[in-house]
Amino acid sequence: MKNLKRILGYLVLIVIAISMLYPFFAMVNLSLVHNNQIFMQADRIFHTPLTFENYVKVFGEIPLSKYFMNSLVVALITTIGQVITASMAGYAFARLKFKYRDLLFLIILTTMLVPPQVNIIPLFFLMREMHLIDTYQALILPGMFGGFGVFLMRQYFLGLPKDLEESAKIDGCNFFQTFFKIALPLALPAVATLAIFTFVTSWNSFMWPLIVTNSEGMRTLPVELAVFKGSFREVTLWGELLACSVVCTIPVIVIFFAGKKYFINDLLSGSVKE
């Protein structure tokens, strides 16, 4: 009976996995097919013949590498900044005792309830007053701070045993040494989780880069993808559009597999009781 339940569980997981992976597989496969053949082979799983013509056209018609690097630089710096600020703030809220600590943390939690669209206008005016419109700083700075990261890191630090930190203090480590040498290495699963979420959010961000950038050279990849789609007139070039979409997904897949080990450990850590 247990084996039957296990088999049924695996079958359900396989079906769910296929349903999630098939759209991505179809996108990659169709991006390697000529535009004239995409809808003629709609009933097939594997489309033939395969060609890289769409990718050649995309990289030839638009400076895709420039927009790719813009998105990569913004996403990487935003992720690094978010990890640094959130981990330090989370550790302070978890271990330090100071006046109005709980009230400040409650205010930070309250910011998570505010829809991001509400902050766009105040952030835009702030960036304009700082003369940062159409710069990397405007694209990066708002994403370096967030309540979710502080909450995630605080909760993880609260779950760490205090014995190791107290031993470090006895050995002469100050607060910052204890944080960087003891607490932060132990929090790698939470750091990896936060880094993945932050990178994906920054990489896929569309509304804020669209508003805060004016010049073509400052566009990020999602913005350029929308502009590229809107540049079609009579016929939509689905092959080239799918090729752009595939390029957009590559860094997200890479960053997930790079932090998959720590990410999964973080998800499973709450289910294990000592």
C-alpha atoms as a PDB file:
ATOM      1  CA  MET A   1       0.000   0.000   0.000  1.00  0.00           C
ATOM      2  CA  LYS A   2       2.834   2.341   0.868  1.00  0.00           C
ATOM      3  CA  ASN A   3       4.599   1.515  -2.394  1.00  0.00           C
ATOM      4  CA  LEU A   4       1.410   2.236  -4.337  1.00  0.00           C
ATOM      5  CA  LYS A   5       1.045   5.622  -2.677  1.00  0.00           C
ATOM      6  CA  ARG A   6       4.686   6.385  -3.392  1.00  0.00           C
ATOM      7  CA  ILE A   7       4.285   5.441  -7.067  1.00  0.00           C
ATOM      8  CA  LEU A   8       1.141   7.560  -7.370  1.00  0.00           C
ATOM      9  CA  GLY A   9       2.978  10.440  -5.716  1.00  0.00           C
ATOM     10  CA  TYR A  10       5.837  10.163  -8.195  1.00  0.00           C
ATOM     11  CA  LEU A  11       3.391  10.004 -11.111  1.00  0.00           C
ATOM     12  CA  VAL A  12       1.664  13.173  -9.924  1.00  0.00           C
ATOM     13  CA  LEU A  13       5.023  14.934  -9.571  1.00  0.00           C
ATOM     14  CA  ILE A  14       6.062  13.790 -13.063  1.00  0.00           C
ATOM     15  CA  VAL A  15       2.817  15.104 -14.573  1.00  0.00           C
ATOM     16  CA  ILE A  16       3.262  18.447 -12.795  1.00  0.00           C
ATOM     17  CA  ALA A  17       6.907  18.650 -13.910  1.00  0.00           C
ATOM     18  CA  ILE A  18       6.000  17.936 -17.537  1.00  0.00           C
ATOM     19  CA  SER A  19       3.192  20.506 -17.496  1.00  0.00           C
ATOM     20  CA  MET A  20       5.648  23.135 -16.243  1.00  0.00           C
ATOM     21  CA  LEU A  21       8.587  22.188 -18.474  1.00  0.00           C
ATOM     22  CA  TYR A  22       6.664  21.742 -21.727  1.00  0.00           C
ATOM     23  CA  PRO A  23       6.005  25.482 -22.336  1.00  0.00           C
ATOM     24  CA  PHE A  24       9.724  26.190 -21.905  1.00  0.00           C
ATOM     25  CA  PHE A  25      10.640  23.289 -24.181  1.00  0.00           C
ATOM     26  CA  ALA A  26       8.146  24.520 -26.776  1.00  0.00           C
ATOM     27  CA  MET A  27       9.601  28.028 -26.593  1.00  0.00           C
ATOM     28  CA  VAL A  28      13.141  26.772 -27.184  1.00  0.00           C
ATOM     29  CA  ASN A  29      12.052  24.399 -29.949  1.00  0.00           C
ATOM     30  CA  LEU A  30       9.953  26.996 -31.785  1.00  0.00           C
ATOM     31  CA  SER A  31      12.737  29.570 -31.528  1.00  0.00           C
ATOM     32  CA  LEU A  32      14.821  27.208 -33.698  1.00  0.00           C
ATOM     33  CA  VAL A  33      12.166  26.980 -36.416  1.00  0.00           C
ATOM     34  CA  HIS A  34      11.682  29.344 -39.349  1.00  0.00           C
ATOM     35  CA  ASN A  35       8.794  31.784 -38.966  1.00  0.00           C
ATOM     36  CA  ASN A  36       6.921  30.246 -41.906  1.00  0.00           C
ATOM     37  CA  GLN A  37       6.988  26.787 -40.287  1.00  0.00           C
ATOM     38  CA  ILE A  38       5.884  27.632 -36.736  1.00  0.00           C
ATOM     39  CA  PHE A  39       2.121  27.391 -37.235  1.00  0.00           C
ATOM     40  CA  MET A  40       2.325  24.790 -39.983  1.00  0.00           C
ATOM     41  CA  GLN A  41       3.687  22.281 -37.442  1.00  0.00           C
ATOM     42  CA  ALA A  42       1.464  23.249 -34.523  1.00  0.00           C
ATOM     43  CA  ASP A  43       0.373  19.646 -33.928  1.00  0.00           C
ATOM     44  CA  ARG A  44       3.936  18.350 -33.518  1.00  0.00           C
ATOM     45  CA  ILE A  45       5.970  18.079 -30.345  1.00  0.00           C
ATOM     46  CA  PHE A  46       9.317  18.252 -32.153  1.00  0.00           C
ATOM     47  CA  HIS A  47       9.466  20.844 -34.899  1.00  0.00           C
ATOM     48  CA  THR A  48      11.852  20.443 -37.855  1.00  0.00           C
ATOM     49  CA  PRO A  49      14.060  21.519 -39.494  1.00  0.00           C
ATOM     50  CA  LEU A  50      15.959  23.351 -36.761  1.00  0.00           C
ATOM     51  CA  THR A  51      17.900  26.505 -37.555  1.00  0.00           C
ATOM     52  CA  PHE A  52      19.620  29.329 -35.668  1.00  0.00           C
ATOM     53  CA  GLU A  53      18.365  31.876 -38.177  1.00  0.00           C
ATOM     54  CA  ASN A  54      16.106  33.604 -35.638  1.00  0.00           C
ATOM     55  CA  TYR A  55      18.990  34.130 -33.204  1.00  0.00           C
ATOM     56  CA  VAL A  56      21.220  35.481 -35.969  1.00  0.00           C
ATOM     57  CA  LYS A  57      18.511  37.944 -37.009  1.00  0.00           C
ATOM     58  CA  VAL A  58      17.847  39.056 -33.441  1.00  0.00           C
ATOM     59  CA  PHE A  59      21.496  39.757 -32.646  1.00  0.00           C
ATOM     60  CA  GLY A  60      21.893  41.381 -36.063  1.00  0.00           C
ATOM     61  CA  GLU A  61      18.855  43.667 -35.939  1.00  0.00           C
ATOM     62  CA  ILE A  62      19.143  44.927 -32.351  1.00  0.00           C
ATOM     63  CA  PRO A  63      22.122  45.323 -29.959  1.00  0.00           C
ATOM     64  CA  LEU A  64      20.806  42.525 -27.747  1.00  0.00           C
ATOM     65  CA  SER A  65      24.147  42.042 -26.013  1.00  0.00           C
ATOM     66  CA  LYS A  66      24.011  45.662 -24.754  1.00  0.00           C
ATOM     67  CA  TYR A  67      20.572  45.219 -23.194  1.00  0.00           C
ATOM     68  CA  PHE A  68      21.619  41.824 -21.833  1.00  0.00           C
ATOM     69  CA  MET A  69      24.608  43.382 -20.067  1.00  0.00           C
ATOM     70  CA  ASN A  70      22.444  46.208 -18.725  1.00  0.00           C
ATOM     71  CA  SER A  71      20.053  43.716 -17.153  1.00  0.00           C
ATOM     72  CA  LEU A  72      22.899  41.554 -15.864  1.00  0.00           C
ATOM     73  CA  VAL A  73      24.757  44.449 -14.233  1.00  0.00           C
ATOM     74  CA  VAL A  74      21.582  45.808 -12.638  1.00  0.00           C
ATOM     75  CA  ALA A  75      20.436  42.388 -11.391  1.00  0.00           C
ATOM     76  CA  LEU A  76      23.844  41.383  -9.982  1.00  0.00           C
ATOM     77  CA  ILE A  77      24.533  44.652  -8.148  1.00  0.00           C
ATOM     78  CA  THR A  78      20.958  44.788  -6.852  1.00  0.00           C
ATOM     79  CA  THR A  79      21.266  41.218  -5.571  1.00  0.00           C
ATOM     80  CA  ILE A  80      24.589  41.865  -3.852  1.00  0.00           C
ATOM     81  CA  GLY A  81      23.266  45.056  -2.259  1.00  0.00           C
ATOM     82  CA  GLN A  82      20.044  43.381  -1.117  1.00  0.00           C
ATOM     83  CA  VAL A  83      21.936  40.479   0.441  1.00  0.00           C
ATOM     84  CA  ILE A  84      24.322  42.791   2.305  1.00  0.00           C
ATOM     85  CA  THR A  85      21.710  45.216   3.650  1.00  0.00           C
ATOM     86  CA  ALA A  86      19.110  42.549   4.470  1.00  0.00           C
ATOM     87  CA  SER A  87      21.555  40.219   6.214  1.00  0.00           C
ATOM     88  CA  MET A  88      23.053  42.994   8.354  1.00  0.00           C
ATOM     89  CA  ALA A  89      19.648  44.437   9.253  1.00  0.00           C
ATOM     90  CA  GLY A  90      18.213  40.988   9.908  1.00  0.00           C
ATOM     91  CA  TYR A  91      21.083  40.084  12.225  1.00  0.00           C
ATOM     92  CA  ALA A  92      20.717  43.359  14.108  1.00  0.00           C
ATOM     93  CA  PHE A  93      16.995  42.778  14.628  1.00  0.00           C
ATOM     94  CA  ALA A  94      17.642  39.183  15.694  1.00  0.00           C
ATOM     95  CA  ARG A  95      20.505  39.715  18.142  1.00  0.00           C
ATOM     96  CA  LEU A  96      20.705  43.356  19.200  1.00  0.00           C
ATOM     97  CA  LYS A  97      18.470  44.934  21.817  1.00  0.00           C
ATOM     98  CA  PHE A  98      17.800  48.614  21.205  1.00  0.00           C
ATOM     99  CA  LYS A  99      15.012  51.100  21.745  1.00  0.00           C
ATOM    100  CA  TYR A 100      11.984  50.787  19.445  1.00  0.00           C
ATOM    101  CA  ARG A 101      13.428  47.633  17.868  1.00  0.00           C
ATOM    102  CA  ASP A 102      10.077  45.857  17.626  1.00  0.00           C
ATOM    103  CA  LEU A 103       8.341  48.987  16.367  1.00  0.00           C
ATOM    104  CA  LEU A 104      10.923  49.471  13.618  1.00  0.00           C
ATOM    105  CA  PHE A 105      10.615  45.854  12.591  1.00  0.00           C
ATOM    106  CA  LEU A 106       6.825  46.200  12.490  1.00  0.00           C
ATOM    107  CA  ILE A 107       7.190  49.221  10.205  1.00  0.00           C
ATOM    108  CA  ILE A 108       9.459  47.182   7.916  1.00  0.00           C
ATOM    109  CA  LEU A 109       6.876  44.390   7.823  1.00  0.00           C
ATOM    110  CA  THR A 110       4.192  46.944   7.000  1.00  0.00           C
ATOM    111  CA  THR A 111       6.111  48.015   3.884  1.00  0.00           C
ATOM    112  CA  MET A 112       5.640  44.470   2.553  1.00  0.00           C
ATOM    113  CA  LEU A 113       1.884  45.100   2.472  1.00  0.00           C
ATOM    114  CA  VAL A 114       2.233  48.121   0.173  1.00  0.00           C
ATOM    115  CA  PRO A 115       1.904  47.254  -3.546  1.00  0.00           C
ATOM    116  CA  PRO A 116       5.080  48.138  -5.488  1.00  0.00           C
ATOM    117  CA  GLN A 117       3.039  50.233  -7.935  1.00  0.00           C
ATOM    118  CA  VAL A 118       2.215  52.670  -5.116  1.00  0.00           C
ATOM    119  CA  ASN A 119       5.902  53.492  -4.639  1.00  0.00           C
ATOM    120  CA  ILE A 120       6.662  54.193  -8.282  1.00  0.00           C
ATOM    121  CA  ILE A 121       5.636  57.876  -8.324  1.00  0.00           C
ATOM    122  CA  PRO A 122       7.436  58.844  -5.060  1.00  0.00           C
ATOM    123  CA  LEU A 123      10.528  56.918  -6.163  1.00  0.00           C
ATOM    124  CA  PHE A 124      10.495  58.619  -9.551  1.00  0.00           C
ATOM    125  CA  PHE A 125      10.346  62.097  -7.983  1.00  0.00           C
ATOM    126  CA  LEU A 126      13.108  61.100  -5.567  1.00  0.00           C
ATOM    127  CA  MET A 127      15.342  59.902  -8.408  1.00  0.00           C
ATOM    128  CA  ARG A 128      14.593  63.087 -10.348  1.00  0.00           C
ATOM    129  CA  GLU A 129      15.528  65.318  -7.397  1.00  0.00           C
ATOM    130  CA  MET A 130      18.774  63.365  -7.064  1.00  0.00           C
ATOM    131  CA  HIS A 131      19.407  63.782 -10.820  1.00  0.00           C
ATOM    132  CA  LEU A 132      19.620  60.031 -11.301  1.00  0.00           C
ATOM    133  CA  ILE A 133      17.021  59.582 -14.048  1.00  0.00           C
ATOM    134  CA  ASP A 134      18.307  57.416 -16.906  1.00  0.00           C
ATOM    135  CA  THR A 135      21.263  56.088 -14.893  1.00  0.00           C
ATOM    136  CA  TYR A 136      22.295  52.756 -13.443  1.00  0.00           C
ATOM    137  CA  GLN A 137      21.870  54.184  -9.958  1.00  0.00           C
ATOM    138  CA  ALA A 138      18.153  54.739 -10.542  1.00  0.00           C
ATOM    139  CA  LEU A 139      17.776  51.168 -11.755  1.00  0.00           C
ATOM    140  CA  ILE A 140      19.736  49.657  -8.864  1.00  0.00           C
ATOM    141  CA  LEU A 141      19.168  51.660  -5.667  1.00  0.00           C
ATOM    142  CA  PRO A 142      15.419  50.990  -5.102  1.00  0.00           C
ATOM    143  CA  GLY A 143      15.964  47.245  -5.385  1.00  0.00           C
ATOM    144  CA  MET A 144      18.790  47.096  -2.856  1.00  0.00           C
ATOM    145  CA  PHE A 145      16.439  47.519   0.096  1.00  0.00           C
ATOM    146  CA  GLY A 146      13.327  45.537   0.921  1.00  0.00           C
ATOM    147  CA  GLY A 147      11.285  44.319   3.857  1.00  0.00           C
ATOM    148  CA  PHE A 148      11.080  40.734   2.639  1.00  0.00           C
ATOM    149  CA  GLY A 149      14.846  40.280   2.769  1.00  0.00           C
ATOM    150  CA  VAL A 150      15.108  41.713   6.282  1.00  0.00           C
ATOM    151  CA  PHE A 151      12.251  39.496   7.476  1.00  0.00           C
ATOM    152  CA  LEU A 152      13.749  36.367   5.864  1.00  0.00           C
ATOM    153  CA  MET A 153      17.225  36.896   7.293  1.00  0.00           C
ATOM    154  CA  ARG A 154      15.947  37.856  10.755  1.00  0.00           C
ATOM    155  CA  GLN A 155      13.871  34.699  11.015  1.00  0.00           C
ATOM    156  CA  TYR A 156      16.815  32.564   9.929  1.00  0.00           C
ATOM    157  CA  PHE A 157      19.223  34.206  12.376  1.00  0.00           C
ATOM    158  CA  LEU A 158      16.715  33.676  15.200  1.00  0.00           C
ATOM    159  CA  GLY A 159      16.858  29.946  14.474  1.00  0.00           C
ATOM    160  CA  LEU A 160      20.643  29.751  14.794  1.00  0.00           C
ATOM    161  CA  PRO A 161      22.055  28.502  18.117  1.00  0.00           C
ATOM    162  CA  LYS A 162      23.507  31.277  20.252  1.00  0.00           C
ATOM    163  CA  ASP A 163      26.201  29.035  21.727  1.00  0.00           C
ATOM    164  CA  LEU A 164      28.530  29.473  18.761  1.00  0.00           C
ATOM    165  CA  GLU A 165      28.214  33.246  18.850  1.00  0.00           C
ATOM    166  CA  GLU A 166      28.790  33.346  22.590  1.00  0.00           C
ATOM    167  CA  SER A 167      31.876  31.166  22.158  1.00  0.00           C
ATOM    168  CA  ALA A 168      33.165  33.591  19.538  1.00  0.00           C
ATOM    169  CA  LYS A 169      32.660  36.505  21.921  1.00  0.00           C
ATOM    170  CA  ILE A 170      34.585  34.643  24.628  1.00  0.00           C
ATOM    171  CA  ASP A 171      37.422  34.164  22.128  1.00  0.00           C
ATOM    172  CA  GLY A 172      37.557  37.929  21.600  1.00  0.00           C
ATOM    173  CA  CYS A 173      35.408  38.466  18.530  1.00  0.00           C
ATOM    174  CA  ASN A 174      33.447  41.694  18.412  1.00  0.00           C
ATOM    175  CA  PHE A 175      29.907  42.015  17.025  1.00  0.00           C
ATOM    176  CA  PHE A 176      30.969  42.454  13.387  1.00  0.00           C
ATOM    177  CA  GLN A 177      33.503  39.622  13.510  1.00  0.00           C
ATOM    178  CA  THR A 178      30.874  37.329  14.982  1.00  0.00           C
ATOM    179  CA  PHE A 179      28.464  38.300  12.228  1.00  0.00           C
ATOM    180  CA  PHE A 180      30.868  37.840   9.294  1.00  0.00           C
ATOM    181  CA  LYS A 181      32.772  34.793  10.592  1.00  0.00           C
ATOM    182  CA  ILE A 182      30.051  32.831  12.415  1.00  0.00           C
ATOM    183  CA  ALA A 183      26.482  33.923  11.669  1.00  0.00           C
ATOM    184  CA  LEU A 184      26.707  34.761   7.968  1.00  0.00           C
ATOM    185  CA  PRO A 185      28.412  31.498   6.898  1.00  0.00           C
ATOM    186  CA  LEU A 186      25.776  29.533   8.821  1.00  0.00           C
ATOM    187  CA  ALA A 187      23.042  31.492   7.019  1.00  0.00           C
ATOM    188  CA  LEU A 188      24.169  30.559   3.486  1.00  0.00           C
ATOM    189  CA  PRO A 189      20.883  28.751   2.685  1.00  0.00           C
ATOM    190  CA  ALA A 190      18.891  31.889   3.525  1.00  0.00           C
ATOM    191  CA  VAL A 191      21.387  34.070   1.657  1.00  0.00           C
ATOM    192  CA  ALA A 192      21.110  31.869  -1.436  1.00  0.00           C
ATOM    193  CA  THR A 193      17.312  31.926  -1.234  1.00  0.00           C
ATOM    194  CA  LEU A 194      17.252  35.705  -0.941  1.00  0.00           C
ATOM    195  CA  ALA A 195      19.784  36.059  -3.771  1.00  0.00           C
ATOM    196  CA  ILE A 196      17.712  33.896  -6.119  1.00  0.00           C
ATOM    197  CA  PHE A 197      14.481  35.742  -5.388  1.00  0.00           C
ATOM    198  CA  THR A 198      16.157  39.152  -5.688  1.00  0.00           C
ATOM    199  CA  PHE A 199      17.961  38.306  -8.925  1.00  0.00           C
ATOM    200  CA  VAL A 200      14.823  36.918 -10.586  1.00  0.00           C
ATOM    201  CA  THR A 201      12.744  39.909  -9.460  1.00  0.00           C
ATOM    202  CA  SER A 202      15.323  42.415 -10.681  1.00  0.00           C
ATOM    203  CA  TRP A 203      15.930  40.569 -13.943  1.00  0.00           C
ATOM    204  CA  ASN A 204      12.215  40.400 -14.760  1.00  0.00           C
ATOM    205  CA  SER A 205      11.487  43.968 -13.646  1.00  0.00           C
ATOM    206  CA  PHE A 206       9.696  45.883 -16.385  1.00  0.00           C
ATOM    207  CA  MET A 207       7.649  48.784 -15.027  1.00  0.00           C
ATOM    208  CA  TRP A 208      10.398  50.593 -13.092  1.00  0.00           C
ATOM    209  CA  PRO A 209      13.086  50.398 -15.836  1.00  0.00           C
ATOM    210  CA  LEU A 210      10.489  51.514 -18.381  1.00  0.00           C
ATOM    211  CA  ILE A 211       9.654  54.622 -16.333  1.00  0.00           C
ATOM    212  CA  VAL A 212      13.101  55.610 -15.110  1.00  0.00           C
ATOM    213  CA  THR A 213      15.046  55.219 -18.383  1.00  0.00           C
ATOM    214  CA  ASN A 214      14.835  57.483 -21.421  1.00  0.00           C
ATOM    215  CA  SER A 215      17.739  56.635 -23.702  1.00  0.00           C
ATOM    216  CA  GLU A 216      17.926  53.473 -25.765  1.00  0.00           C
ATOM    217  CA  GLY A 217      21.320  52.592 -24.338  1.00  0.00           C
ATOM    218  CA  MET A 218      19.957  52.304 -20.781  1.00  0.00           C
ATOM    219  CA  ARG A 219      17.166  49.858 -21.591  1.00  0.00           C
ATOM    220  CA  THR A 220      17.074  46.516 -19.848  1.00  0.00           C
ATOM    221  CA  LEU A 221      16.222  43.288 -21.622  1.00  0.00           C
ATOM    222  CA  PRO A 222      12.503  43.072 -20.592  1.00  0.00           C
ATOM    223  CA  VAL A 223      11.943  46.643 -21.802  1.00  0.00           C
ATOM    224  CA  GLU A 224      13.689  45.964 -25.084  1.00  0.00           C
ATOM    225  CA  LEU A 225      11.675  42.771 -25.515  1.00  0.00           C
ATOM    226  CA  ALA A 226       8.463  44.797 -25.223  1.00  0.00           C
ATOM    227  CA  VAL A 227       9.791  47.426 -27.626  1.00  0.00           C
ATOM    228  CA  PHE A 228      10.883  44.730 -30.043  1.00  0.00           C
ATOM    229  CA  LYS A 229       7.434  43.137 -29.933  1.00  0.00           C
ATOM    230  CA  GLY A 230       5.777  46.522 -30.469  1.00  0.00           C
ATOM    231  CA  SER A 231       7.979  47.253 -33.485  1.00  0.00           C
ATOM    232  CA  PHE A 232       6.145  44.654 -35.578  1.00  0.00           C
ATOM    233  CA  ARG A 233       3.638  46.070 -38.014  1.00  0.00           C
ATOM    234  CA  GLU A 234       1.623  43.673 -40.152  1.00  0.00           C
ATOM    235  CA  VAL A 235       3.204  40.314 -39.277  1.00  0.00           C
ATOM    236  CA  THR A 236       4.481  39.226 -35.856  1.00  0.00           C
ATOM    237  CA  LEU A 237       7.879  37.563 -36.159  1.00  0.00           C
ATOM    238  CA  TRP A 238       7.227  34.862 -33.602  1.00  0.00           C
ATOM    239  CA  GLY A 239      10.508  33.044 -34.184  1.00  0.00           C
ATOM    240  CA  GLU A 240      12.615  36.101 -33.407  1.00  0.00           C
ATOM    241  CA  LEU A 241      10.401  37.008 -30.471  1.00  0.00           C
ATOM    242  CA  LEU A 242      10.790  33.515 -29.018  1.00  0.00           C
ATOM    243  CA  ALA A 243      14.550  33.684 -29.551  1.00  0.00           C
ATOM    244  CA  CYS A 244      14.630  36.898 -27.475  1.00  0.00           C
ATOM    245  CA  SER A 245      12.563  35.184 -24.787  1.00  0.00           C
ATOM    246  CA  VAL A 246      14.984  32.257 -24.620  1.00  0.00           C
ATOM    247  CA  VAL A 247      17.906  34.639 -24.157  1.00  0.00           C
ATOM    248  CA  CYS A 248      15.969  36.334 -21.338  1.00  0.00           C
ATOM    249  CA  THR A 249      15.505  33.070 -19.431  1.00  0.00           C
ATOM    250  CA  ILE A 250      19.126  31.851 -19.548  1.00  0.00           C
ATOM    251  CA  PRO A 251      20.524  33.893 -16.593  1.00  0.00           C
ATOM    252  CA  VAL A 252      17.542  32.989 -14.390  1.00  0.00           C
ATOM    253  CA  ILE A 253      18.133  29.280 -15.007  1.00  0.00           C
ATOM    254  CA  VAL A 254      21.866  29.638 -14.372  1.00  0.00           C
ATOM    255  CA  ILE A 255      21.406  31.519 -11.086  1.00  0.00           C
ATOM    256  CA  PHE A 256      18.846  28.982  -9.871  1.00  0.00           C
ATOM    257  CA  PHE A 257      21.068  25.967 -10.535  1.00  0.00           C
ATOM    258  CA  ALA A 258      24.040  27.800  -8.995  1.00  0.00           C
ATOM    259  CA  GLY A 259      22.149  28.251  -5.716  1.00  0.00           C
ATOM    260  CA  LYS A 260      19.881  25.214  -5.951  1.00  0.00           C
ATOM    261  CA  LYS A 261      21.708  23.255  -3.255  1.00  0.00           C
ATOM    262  CA  TYR A 262      21.385  25.997  -0.622  1.00  0.00           C
ATOM    263  CA  PHE A 263      17.887  26.947  -1.781  1.00  0.00           C
ATOM    264  CA  ILE A 264      16.557  23.413  -1.318  1.00  0.00           C
ATOM    265  CA  ASN A 265      18.338  23.081   2.027  1.00  0.00           C
ATOM    266  CA  ASP A 266      16.593  26.241   3.203  1.00  0.00           C
ATOM    267  CA  LEU A 267      13.193  24.889   2.140  1.00  0.00           C
ATOM    268  CA  LEU A 268      13.802  21.587   3.921  1.00  0.00           C
ATOM    269  CA  SER A 269      15.365  23.001   7.082  1.00  0.00           C
ATOM    270  CA  GLY A 270      11.995  23.931   8.569  1.00  0.00           C
ATOM    271  CA  SER A 271      10.691  20.367   8.190  1.00  0.00           C
ATOM    272  CA  VAL A 272      13.438  18.770  10.292  1.00  0.00           C
ATOM    273  CA  LYS A 273      13.066  18.763  14.056  1.00  0.00           C
ATOM    274  CA  GLU A 274      15.882  17.937  16.416  1.00  0.00           C
END
